[in-house]
Amino acid sequence: MPIFEYRCEDCGHRFDAFFRRAEDADSEQLECAKCGSKQVKKMFSVIGIGGMSNGVLSDGCGTTST
């Protein structure tokens, strides 16, 4: 289930929205839960992916687990 982050253009409130399909994120008209404005913009979100580093499993947050 895709999750997208949005920001209200009127009050600056940031919020997440969940969709069944990624295509629905572009077609559905959202409104800000804080002020009710329909002037919301989809934000560019960065994801973290963990992996192996020097043979040690990394959780993707700059720490390592042993």
C-alpha atoms as a PDB file:
ATOM      1  CA  MET A   1       0.000   0.000   0.000  1.00  0.00           C
ATOM      2  CA  PRO A   2       1.738   3.211  -1.177  1.00  0.00           C
ATOM      3  CA  ILE A   3       2.156   6.059   1.288  1.00  0.00           C
ATOM      4  CA  PHE A   4       2.619   9.622   0.070  1.00  0.00           C
ATOM      5  CA  GLU A   5       3.514  12.762   2.021  1.00  0.00           C
ATOM      6  CA  TYR A   6       1.626  15.995   1.362  1.00  0.00           C
ATOM      7  CA  ARG A   7       1.922  19.623   2.470  1.00  0.00           C
ATOM      8  CA  CYS A   8      -0.904  22.136   2.650  1.00  0.00           C
ATOM      9  CA  GLU A   9      -0.127  25.258   0.615  1.00  0.00           C
ATOM     10  CA  ASP A  10      -2.339  27.402   2.879  1.00  0.00           C
ATOM     11  CA  CYS A  11      -1.261  26.470   6.420  1.00  0.00           C
ATOM     12  CA  GLY A  12       1.930  24.409   5.869  1.00  0.00           C
ATOM     13  CA  HIS A  13       0.564  21.300   7.640  1.00  0.00           C
ATOM     14  CA  ARG A  14       2.296  18.066   6.554  1.00  0.00           C
ATOM     15  CA  PHE A  15       0.471  14.762   6.471  1.00  0.00           C
ATOM     16  CA  ASP A  16       0.622  11.273   4.993  1.00  0.00           C
ATOM     17  CA  ALA A  17      -2.006   9.637   2.802  1.00  0.00           C
ATOM     18  CA  PHE A  18      -2.367   5.927   2.097  1.00  0.00           C
ATOM     19  CA  PHE A  19      -3.661   4.594  -1.226  1.00  0.00           C
ATOM     20  CA  ARG A  20      -4.571   1.160  -2.541  1.00  0.00           C
ATOM     21  CA  ARG A  21      -2.695   1.888  -5.789  1.00  0.00           C
ATOM     22  CA  ALA A  22      -0.031   4.476  -6.613  1.00  0.00           C
ATOM     23  CA  GLU A  23      -2.164   5.776  -9.514  1.00  0.00           C
ATOM     24  CA  ASP A  24      -4.891   6.796  -7.043  1.00  0.00           C
ATOM     25  CA  ALA A  25      -2.552   9.350  -5.437  1.00  0.00           C
ATOM     26  CA  ASP A  26      -2.704  11.557  -8.526  1.00  0.00           C
ATOM     27  CA  SER A  27      -6.439  11.295  -9.139  1.00  0.00           C
ATOM     28  CA  GLU A  28      -7.877  11.714  -5.640  1.00  0.00           C
ATOM     29  CA  GLN A  29      -8.610  15.243  -4.382  1.00  0.00           C
ATOM     30  CA  LEU A  30      -7.265  15.531  -0.830  1.00  0.00           C
ATOM     31  CA  GLU A  31      -7.931  18.192   1.740  1.00  0.00           C
ATOM     32  CA  CYS A  32      -5.874  19.334   4.708  1.00  0.00           C
ATOM     33  CA  ALA A  33      -7.054  17.826   7.996  1.00  0.00           C
ATOM     34  CA  LYS A  34      -5.926  20.961   9.863  1.00  0.00           C
ATOM     35  CA  CYS A  35      -7.551  23.783   7.859  1.00  0.00           C
ATOM     36  CA  GLY A  36      -9.723  22.006   5.262  1.00  0.00           C
ATOM     37  CA  SER A  37      -7.936  23.541   2.271  1.00  0.00           C
ATOM     38  CA  LYS A  38      -7.820  21.604  -0.996  1.00  0.00           C
ATOM     39  CA  GLN A  39      -4.533  23.305  -1.910  1.00  0.00           C
ATOM     40  CA  VAL A  40      -2.252  20.377  -1.055  1.00  0.00           C
ATOM     41  CA  LYS A  41       0.922  19.306  -2.852  1.00  0.00           C
ATOM     42  CA  LYS A  42       2.564  15.900  -2.956  1.00  0.00           C
ATOM     43  CA  MET A  43       6.051  16.089  -1.452  1.00  0.00           C
ATOM     44  CA  PHE A  44       9.149  14.273  -2.632  1.00  0.00           C
ATOM     45  CA  SER A  45       9.921  11.632  -0.011  1.00  0.00           C
ATOM     46  CA  VAL A  46      13.256   9.951   0.550  1.00  0.00           C
ATOM     47  CA  ILE A  47      13.354   6.328   1.629  1.00  0.00           C
ATOM     48  CA  GLY A  48      16.090   4.526   3.537  1.00  0.00           C
ATOM     49  CA  ILE A  49      17.166   1.058   2.578  1.00  0.00           C
ATOM     50  CA  GLY A  50      19.360  -1.062   4.824  1.00  0.00           C
ATOM     51  CA  GLY A  51      21.884  -3.589   3.639  1.00  0.00           C
ATOM     52  CA  MET A  52      25.251  -5.155   4.283  1.00  0.00           C
ATOM     53  CA  SER A  53      28.289  -3.017   5.004  1.00  0.00           C
ATOM     54  CA  ASN A  54      31.613  -4.761   5.582  1.00  0.00           C
ATOM     55  CA  GLY A  55      29.762  -7.982   6.382  1.00  0.00           C
ATOM     56  CA  VAL A  56      27.598  -6.339   9.077  1.00  0.00           C
ATOM     57  CA  LEU A  57      23.837  -5.910   8.656  1.00  0.00           C
ATOM     58  CA  SER A  58      22.869  -2.220   8.667  1.00  0.00           C
ATOM     59  CA  ASP A  59      19.361  -0.982   9.515  1.00  0.00           C
ATOM     60  CA  GLY A  60      19.703   1.993   7.143  1.00  0.00           C
ATOM     61  CA  CYS A  61      19.803   4.579   9.952  1.00  0.00           C
ATOM     62  CA  GLY A  62      23.548   4.879  10.378  1.00  0.00           C
ATOM     63  CA  THR A  63      23.690   2.207  13.075  1.00  0.00           C
ATOM     64  CA  THR A  64      24.645  -1.404  12.822  1.00  0.00           C
ATOM     65  CA  SER A  65      23.198  -4.453  14.497  1.00  0.00           C
ATOM     66  CA  THR A  66      25.284  -7.442  15.523  1.00  0.00           C
END
